[in-house]
Amino acid sequence: MAAPMLRALRRQDWALCGAGRACVSGSSRRDISFKLDERTAHSSLDLFKKDTGIIYRMLGIDPTKMPQNPERFREWAVVLGDTAMSSGQHYWEVTVKRSQHFRIGVADVDISREGCIGVDDRSWVFAYTHRRWHTMLANETTPISNIGNPERVGLLLDYEGRKLSLVDAGKQILIHTLATEFQGPVVPAFAIWDGELLTHSGLDVPKNLSAS
């Protein structure tokens, strides 16, 4: 787990939107624009397209040759977005390229860098593996039916409503909704073990999906 002092500093950092990070809050803005934070990226991940995409490299970079910082995931192929959300509704999409094993969702800003998203109660994810979708929370999984091989999917976060939904980006319909219990600001979170993911942010919440 992150050291208490580091956790306190990170929470303060996000609240103040400092140190080069951004935060999105308040009901007046519903879109979120983010890039992937290279400081958090595991050594097996490369960022591309101006830090909006990730590609998995089986060999990766020698961790001893990477800049040392406490933000980087050390054991699992995870990267976080650089913008936190603490209220409102937000929507973004992910294009899947040749990947059969990935996780997408949100995580606390100070989630432990020793674990993987989906294995604790501080991250909420939709996972795709063995050609099947399922939710993950605290390492417990729930299958999602009636959805095939992904090409482009959306994620809809309703912070006050305590919901994270997987969206069919083409039809703009909800596929599955995961109930949540947020304790503080969260960031987009991604894990991948083959292929590529490309993120698309700065999108308005689809009108037919927006809460009244």
C-alpha atoms as a PDB file:
ATOM      1  CA  MET A   1       0.000   0.000   0.000  1.00  0.00           C
ATOM      2  CA  ALA A   2       1.062   3.584  -0.553  1.00  0.00           C
ATOM      3  CA  ALA A   3       2.716   5.173   2.431  1.00  0.00           C
ATOM      4  CA  PRO A   4       0.309   7.301   4.526  1.00  0.00           C
ATOM      5  CA  MET A   5       2.332  10.438   3.890  1.00  0.00           C
ATOM      6  CA  LEU A   6       2.399   9.834   0.130  1.00  0.00           C
ATOM      7  CA  ARG A   7      -1.339   9.121   0.125  1.00  0.00           C
ATOM      8  CA  ALA A   8      -2.075  12.336   1.974  1.00  0.00           C
ATOM      9  CA  LEU A   9       0.086  14.307  -0.426  1.00  0.00           C
ATOM     10  CA  ARG A  10      -1.570  12.704  -3.439  1.00  0.00           C
ATOM     11  CA  ARG A  11      -5.064  13.466  -2.157  1.00  0.00           C
ATOM     12  CA  GLN A  12      -4.071  17.059  -1.504  1.00  0.00           C
ATOM     13  CA  ASP A  13      -2.387  17.225  -4.906  1.00  0.00           C
ATOM     14  CA  TRP A  14      -5.497  16.111  -6.739  1.00  0.00           C
ATOM     15  CA  ALA A  15      -7.767  18.369  -4.724  1.00  0.00           C
ATOM     16  CA  LEU A  16      -5.636  21.371  -5.644  1.00  0.00           C
ATOM     17  CA  CYS A  17      -5.230  20.242  -9.276  1.00  0.00           C
ATOM     18  CA  GLY A  18      -1.511  20.860  -8.938  1.00  0.00           C
ATOM     19  CA  ALA A  19       1.773  19.310 -10.039  1.00  0.00           C
ATOM     20  CA  GLY A  20       0.717  19.235 -13.686  1.00  0.00           C
ATOM     21  CA  ARG A  21      -2.450  17.233 -12.995  1.00  0.00           C
ATOM     22  CA  ALA A  22      -6.011  18.232 -13.727  1.00  0.00           C
ATOM     23  CA  CYS A  23      -9.261  17.522 -11.958  1.00  0.00           C
ATOM     24  CA  VAL A  24     -12.846  17.688 -13.128  1.00  0.00           C
ATOM     25  CA  SER A  25     -15.640  18.444 -10.680  1.00  0.00           C
ATOM     26  CA  GLY A  26     -18.949  20.213 -10.513  1.00  0.00           C
ATOM     27  CA  SER A  27     -22.151  19.602 -12.456  1.00  0.00           C
ATOM     28  CA  SER A  28     -21.508  22.446 -14.925  1.00  0.00           C
ATOM     29  CA  ARG A  29     -19.063  20.308 -16.922  1.00  0.00           C
ATOM     30  CA  ARG A  30     -19.883  16.816 -18.103  1.00  0.00           C
ATOM     31  CA  ASP A  31     -17.036  16.002 -20.466  1.00  0.00           C
ATOM     32  CA  ILE A  32     -13.613  14.800 -19.362  1.00  0.00           C
ATOM     33  CA  SER A  33     -10.423  15.286 -21.374  1.00  0.00           C
ATOM     34  CA  PHE A  34      -7.479  13.202 -20.258  1.00  0.00           C
ATOM     35  CA  LYS A  35      -4.251  11.644 -21.411  1.00  0.00           C
ATOM     36  CA  LEU A  36      -2.477   8.602 -20.041  1.00  0.00           C
ATOM     37  CA  ASP A  37      -0.026   9.437 -17.283  1.00  0.00           C
ATOM     38  CA  GLU A  38       3.383   8.049 -18.284  1.00  0.00           C
ATOM     39  CA  ARG A  39       4.562   8.355 -14.693  1.00  0.00           C
ATOM     40  CA  THR A  40       2.150   5.582 -13.718  1.00  0.00           C
ATOM     41  CA  ALA A  41       2.765   3.263 -16.701  1.00  0.00           C
ATOM     42  CA  HIS A  42       4.266  -0.169 -16.044  1.00  0.00           C
ATOM     43  CA  SER A  43       7.550  -0.873 -17.830  1.00  0.00           C
ATOM     44  CA  SER A  44       5.833  -3.255 -20.303  1.00  0.00           C
ATOM     45  CA  LEU A  45       3.582  -0.471 -21.643  1.00  0.00           C
ATOM     46  CA  ASP A  46       4.399   2.078 -24.336  1.00  0.00           C
ATOM     47  CA  LEU A  47       2.278   5.180 -24.839  1.00  0.00           C
ATOM     48  CA  PHE A  48       1.571   6.518 -28.325  1.00  0.00           C
ATOM     49  CA  LYS A  49      -0.599   9.011 -30.220  1.00  0.00           C
ATOM     50  CA  LYS A  50       0.197  11.850 -27.836  1.00  0.00           C
ATOM     51  CA  ASP A  51      -0.331   9.680 -24.749  1.00  0.00           C
ATOM     52  CA  THR A  52      -3.873   8.626 -25.625  1.00  0.00           C
ATOM     53  CA  GLY A  53      -3.022   5.028 -26.567  1.00  0.00           C
ATOM     54  CA  ILE A  54      -1.162   2.121 -24.979  1.00  0.00           C
ATOM     55  CA  ILE A  55       0.563  -0.880 -26.497  1.00  0.00           C
ATOM     56  CA  TYR A  56       1.755  -3.940 -24.617  1.00  0.00           C
ATOM     57  CA  ARG A  57       5.359  -5.087 -25.097  1.00  0.00           C
ATOM     58  CA  MET A  58       6.018  -8.582 -23.782  1.00  0.00           C
ATOM     59  CA  LEU A  59       9.639  -7.818 -22.920  1.00  0.00           C
ATOM     60  CA  GLY A  60       9.127  -4.160 -22.124  1.00  0.00           C
ATOM     61  CA  ILE A  61      11.799  -1.896 -20.720  1.00  0.00           C
ATOM     62  CA  ASP A  62      14.244  -2.954 -18.044  1.00  0.00           C
ATOM     63  CA  PRO A  63      12.626  -1.464 -14.900  1.00  0.00           C
ATOM     64  CA  THR A  64      16.093  -0.534 -13.579  1.00  0.00           C
ATOM     65  CA  LYS A  65      16.541   1.785 -16.585  1.00  0.00           C
ATOM     66  CA  MET A  66      13.287   3.658 -16.067  1.00  0.00           C
ATOM     67  CA  PRO A  67      12.916   6.832 -14.007  1.00  0.00           C
ATOM     68  CA  GLN A  68      12.183   5.778 -10.444  1.00  0.00           C
ATOM     69  CA  ASN A  69       9.055   7.271  -8.934  1.00  0.00           C
ATOM     70  CA  PRO A  70       6.392   6.037  -6.515  1.00  0.00           C
ATOM     71  CA  GLU A  71       3.612   6.654  -9.058  1.00  0.00           C
ATOM     72  CA  ARG A  72       4.616   3.792 -11.384  1.00  0.00           C
ATOM     73  CA  PHE A  73       2.919   0.386 -11.286  1.00  0.00           C
ATOM     74  CA  ARG A  74       5.605  -2.131 -10.508  1.00  0.00           C
ATOM     75  CA  GLU A  75       4.041  -5.597 -10.824  1.00  0.00           C
ATOM     76  CA  TRP A  76       1.151  -5.334 -13.283  1.00  0.00           C
ATOM     77  CA  ALA A  77       0.686  -3.780 -16.750  1.00  0.00           C
ATOM     78  CA  VAL A  78      -1.457  -0.857 -15.587  1.00  0.00           C
ATOM     79  CA  VAL A  79      -1.591   2.847 -16.477  1.00  0.00           C
ATOM     80  CA  LEU A  80      -3.862   5.595 -15.128  1.00  0.00           C
ATOM     81  CA  GLY A  81      -5.360   8.686 -16.718  1.00  0.00           C
ATOM     82  CA  ASP A  82      -4.010  12.093 -15.696  1.00  0.00           C
ATOM     83  CA  THR A  83      -7.357  13.695 -14.781  1.00  0.00           C
ATOM     84  CA  ALA A  84      -9.369  12.968 -11.647  1.00  0.00           C
ATOM     85  CA  MET A  85     -13.135  13.085 -11.261  1.00  0.00           C
ATOM     86  CA  SER A  86     -14.868  13.913  -7.990  1.00  0.00           C
ATOM     87  CA  SER A  87     -18.440  14.703  -9.096  1.00  0.00           C
ATOM     88  CA  GLY A  88     -20.745  14.787 -12.088  1.00  0.00           C
ATOM     89  CA  GLN A  89     -21.197  12.520 -15.093  1.00  0.00           C
ATOM     90  CA  HIS A  90     -18.349  11.752 -17.486  1.00  0.00           C
ATOM     91  CA  TYR A  91     -18.034   9.674 -20.641  1.00  0.00           C
ATOM     92  CA  TRP A  92     -15.092   8.358 -22.668  1.00  0.00           C
ATOM     93  CA  GLU A  93     -14.515   5.601 -25.208  1.00  0.00           C
ATOM     94  CA  VAL A  94     -11.868   2.968 -25.900  1.00  0.00           C
ATOM     95  CA  THR A  95     -10.928   1.428 -29.256  1.00  0.00           C
ATOM     96  CA  VAL A  96      -9.617  -2.121 -28.939  1.00  0.00           C
ATOM     97  CA  LYS A  97      -6.910  -3.251 -31.365  1.00  0.00           C
ATOM     98  CA  ARG A  98      -5.859  -6.901 -31.399  1.00  0.00           C
ATOM     99  CA  SER A  99      -6.280  -7.290 -27.646  1.00  0.00           C
ATOM    100  CA  GLN A 100      -7.882 -10.334 -26.041  1.00  0.00           C
ATOM    101  CA  HIS A 101      -6.923  -9.569 -22.444  1.00  0.00           C
ATOM    102  CA  PHE A 102      -7.525  -6.151 -20.893  1.00  0.00           C
ATOM    103  CA  ARG A 103      -9.334  -4.266 -18.135  1.00  0.00           C
ATOM    104  CA  ILE A 104     -10.878  -0.787 -18.281  1.00  0.00           C
ATOM    105  CA  GLY A 105     -12.548   1.269 -15.572  1.00  0.00           C
ATOM    106  CA  VAL A 106     -11.696   3.729 -12.805  1.00  0.00           C
ATOM    107  CA  ALA A 107      -9.526   3.642  -9.691  1.00  0.00           C
ATOM    108  CA  ASP A 108      -8.777   5.767  -6.646  1.00  0.00           C
ATOM    109  CA  VAL A 109      -6.022   8.260  -7.398  1.00  0.00           C
ATOM    110  CA  ASP A 110      -3.768   6.725  -4.743  1.00  0.00           C
ATOM    111  CA  ILE A 111      -4.457   3.052  -5.464  1.00  0.00           C
ATOM    112  CA  SER A 112      -1.536   0.804  -4.525  1.00  0.00           C
ATOM    113  CA  ARG A 113       1.072   0.498  -7.269  1.00  0.00           C
ATOM    114  CA  GLU A 114       1.883  -3.050  -6.158  1.00  0.00           C
ATOM    115  CA  GLY A 115      -1.418  -4.565  -7.298  1.00  0.00           C
ATOM    116  CA  CYS A 116      -3.655  -4.595 -10.368  1.00  0.00           C
ATOM    117  CA  ILE A 117      -6.937  -2.836 -10.988  1.00  0.00           C
ATOM    118  CA  GLY A 118      -9.936  -4.998 -10.146  1.00  0.00           C
ATOM    119  CA  VAL A 119      -8.293  -6.924  -7.313  1.00  0.00           C
ATOM    120  CA  ASP A 120      -9.201  -4.579  -4.456  1.00  0.00           C
ATOM    121  CA  ASP A 121     -12.081  -2.364  -3.346  1.00  0.00           C
ATOM    122  CA  ARG A 122     -10.406   0.782  -4.670  1.00  0.00           C
ATOM    123  CA  SER A 123     -10.927   0.095  -8.373  1.00  0.00           C
ATOM    124  CA  TRP A 124     -13.969  -0.766 -10.485  1.00  0.00           C
ATOM    125  CA  VAL A 125     -13.398  -2.396 -13.859  1.00  0.00           C
ATOM    126  CA  PHE A 126     -14.831  -4.248 -16.817  1.00  0.00           C
ATOM    127  CA  ALA A 127     -12.513  -7.043 -17.917  1.00  0.00           C
ATOM    128  CA  TYR A 128     -12.263  -8.873 -21.230  1.00  0.00           C
ATOM    129  CA  THR A 129     -10.486 -12.233 -21.369  1.00  0.00           C
ATOM    130  CA  HIS A 130     -11.017 -15.592 -23.104  1.00  0.00           C
ATOM    131  CA  ARG A 131     -13.511 -13.820 -25.410  1.00  0.00           C
ATOM    132  CA  ARG A 132     -15.783 -12.996 -22.502  1.00  0.00           C
ATOM    133  CA  TRP A 133     -16.651  -9.855 -20.542  1.00  0.00           C
ATOM    134  CA  HIS A 134     -17.070  -9.672 -16.783  1.00  0.00           C
ATOM    135  CA  THR A 135     -17.010  -7.087 -14.009  1.00  0.00           C
ATOM    136  CA  MET A 136     -14.284  -7.046 -11.377  1.00  0.00           C
ATOM    137  CA  LEU A 137     -14.356  -5.598  -7.868  1.00  0.00           C
ATOM    138  CA  ALA A 138     -12.235  -6.780  -4.944  1.00  0.00           C
ATOM    139  CA  ASN A 139     -11.128  -9.726  -7.127  1.00  0.00           C
ATOM    140  CA  GLU A 140     -14.714 -10.952  -7.464  1.00  0.00           C
ATOM    141  CA  THR A 141     -16.045 -11.398 -10.998  1.00  0.00           C
ATOM    142  CA  THR A 142     -19.529 -11.315 -12.499  1.00  0.00           C
ATOM    143  CA  PRO A 143     -20.084 -12.477 -16.106  1.00  0.00           C
ATOM    144  CA  ILE A 144     -21.618 -10.085 -18.631  1.00  0.00           C
ATOM    145  CA  SER A 145     -23.703 -11.766 -21.319  1.00  0.00           C
ATOM    146  CA  ASN A 146     -25.018 -10.676 -24.725  1.00  0.00           C
ATOM    147  CA  ILE A 147     -21.864  -8.853 -25.811  1.00  0.00           C
ATOM    148  CA  GLY A 148     -19.390 -10.065 -28.395  1.00  0.00           C
ATOM    149  CA  ASN A 149     -15.852  -9.249 -29.452  1.00  0.00           C
ATOM    150  CA  PRO A 150     -15.183  -5.573 -28.703  1.00  0.00           C
ATOM    151  CA  GLU A 151     -14.076  -2.972 -31.237  1.00  0.00           C
ATOM    152  CA  ARG A 152     -15.038   0.252 -29.485  1.00  0.00           C
ATOM    153  CA  VAL A 153     -16.766   0.588 -26.132  1.00  0.00           C
ATOM    154  CA  GLY A 154     -17.704   3.489 -23.880  1.00  0.00           C
ATOM    155  CA  LEU A 155     -17.517   4.068 -20.151  1.00  0.00           C
ATOM    156  CA  LEU A 156     -20.062   6.261 -18.365  1.00  0.00           C
ATOM    157  CA  LEU A 157     -19.255   7.396 -14.836  1.00  0.00           C
ATOM    158  CA  ASP A 158     -22.053   8.800 -12.683  1.00  0.00           C
ATOM    159  CA  TYR A 159     -20.170   9.879  -9.565  1.00  0.00           C
ATOM    160  CA  GLU A 160     -23.104  10.971  -7.400  1.00  0.00           C
ATOM    161  CA  GLY A 161     -25.182   8.058  -8.661  1.00  0.00           C
ATOM    162  CA  ARG A 162     -22.365   5.674  -7.654  1.00  0.00           C
ATOM    163  CA  LYS A 163     -22.462   3.924 -11.006  1.00  0.00           C
ATOM    164  CA  LEU A 164     -19.964   2.921 -13.687  1.00  0.00           C
ATOM    165  CA  SER A 165     -21.483   1.621 -16.924  1.00  0.00           C
ATOM    166  CA  LEU A 166     -20.118  -0.201 -19.964  1.00  0.00           C
ATOM    167  CA  VAL A 167     -21.616   1.244 -23.154  1.00  0.00           C
ATOM    168  CA  ASP A 168     -22.018  -0.028 -26.717  1.00  0.00           C
ATOM    169  CA  ALA A 169     -20.324   2.931 -28.400  1.00  0.00           C
ATOM    170  CA  GLY A 170     -21.925   2.292 -31.786  1.00  0.00           C
ATOM    171  CA  LYS A 171     -25.508   1.937 -30.590  1.00  0.00           C
ATOM    172  CA  GLN A 172     -24.985   4.182 -27.520  1.00  0.00           C
ATOM    173  CA  ILE A 173     -26.841   1.824 -25.229  1.00  0.00           C
ATOM    174  CA  LEU A 174     -25.915   0.556 -21.776  1.00  0.00           C
ATOM    175  CA  ILE A 175     -24.514  -2.967 -21.695  1.00  0.00           C
ATOM    176  CA  HIS A 176     -23.943  -3.364 -17.968  1.00  0.00           C
ATOM    177  CA  THR A 177     -23.838  -1.127 -14.885  1.00  0.00           C
ATOM    178  CA  LEU A 178     -21.580  -1.661 -11.889  1.00  0.00           C
ATOM    179  CA  ALA A 179     -22.655  -0.230  -8.510  1.00  0.00           C
ATOM    180  CA  THR A 180     -19.840   1.601  -6.729  1.00  0.00           C
ATOM    181  CA  GLU A 181     -18.844   3.164  -3.410  1.00  0.00           C
ATOM    182  CA  PHE A 182     -16.438   6.002  -4.160  1.00  0.00           C
ATOM    183  CA  GLN A 183     -14.420   7.348  -1.229  1.00  0.00           C
ATOM    184  CA  GLY A 184     -12.667  10.185  -3.092  1.00  0.00           C
ATOM    185  CA  PRO A 185     -11.459  11.312  -6.536  1.00  0.00           C
ATOM    186  CA  VAL A 186     -11.059   8.600  -9.185  1.00  0.00           C
ATOM    187  CA  VAL A 187      -9.150   8.432 -12.468  1.00  0.00           C
ATOM    188  CA  PRO A 188      -9.599   6.388 -15.664  1.00  0.00           C
ATOM    189  CA  ALA A 189      -7.652   3.133 -15.317  1.00  0.00           C
ATOM    190  CA  PHE A 190      -6.408   0.581 -17.844  1.00  0.00           C
ATOM    191  CA  ALA A 191      -4.594  -2.769 -17.804  1.00  0.00           C
ATOM    192  CA  ILE A 192      -3.548  -4.707 -20.913  1.00  0.00           C
ATOM    193  CA  TRP A 193      -1.589  -7.886 -21.654  1.00  0.00           C
ATOM    194  CA  ASP A 194      -1.633  -7.954 -25.468  1.00  0.00           C
ATOM    195  CA  GLY A 195      -2.433  -5.673 -28.388  1.00  0.00           C
ATOM    196  CA  GLU A 196      -3.371  -2.009 -28.081  1.00  0.00           C
ATOM    197  CA  LEU A 197      -5.989   0.280 -26.562  1.00  0.00           C
ATOM    198  CA  LEU A 198      -6.739   3.796 -27.804  1.00  0.00           C
ATOM    199  CA  THR A 199      -8.674   6.211 -25.601  1.00  0.00           C
ATOM    200  CA  HIS A 200     -11.064   8.926 -26.781  1.00  0.00           C
ATOM    201  CA  SER A 201     -11.937  11.658 -24.276  1.00  0.00           C
ATOM    202  CA  GLY A 202     -13.401  15.143 -24.443  1.00  0.00           C
ATOM    203  CA  LEU A 203     -16.750  13.577 -25.376  1.00  0.00           C
ATOM    204  CA  ASP A 204     -20.153  14.767 -24.218  1.00  0.00           C
ATOM    205  CA  VAL A 205     -22.303  12.345 -22.286  1.00  0.00           C
ATOM    206  CA  PRO A 206     -24.743  10.849 -24.858  1.00  0.00           C
ATOM    207  CA  LYS A 207     -28.106  12.515 -24.316  1.00  0.00           C
ATOM    208  CA  ASN A 208     -30.007   9.235 -24.156  1.00  0.00           C
ATOM    209  CA  LEU A 209     -27.651   8.003 -21.409  1.00  0.00           C
ATOM    210  CA  SER A 210     -27.533  11.175 -19.332  1.00  0.00           C
ATOM    211  CA  ALA A 211     -29.320  11.091 -15.978  1.00  0.00           C
ATOM    212  CA  SER A 212     -32.277  13.426 -15.648  1.00  0.00           C
END
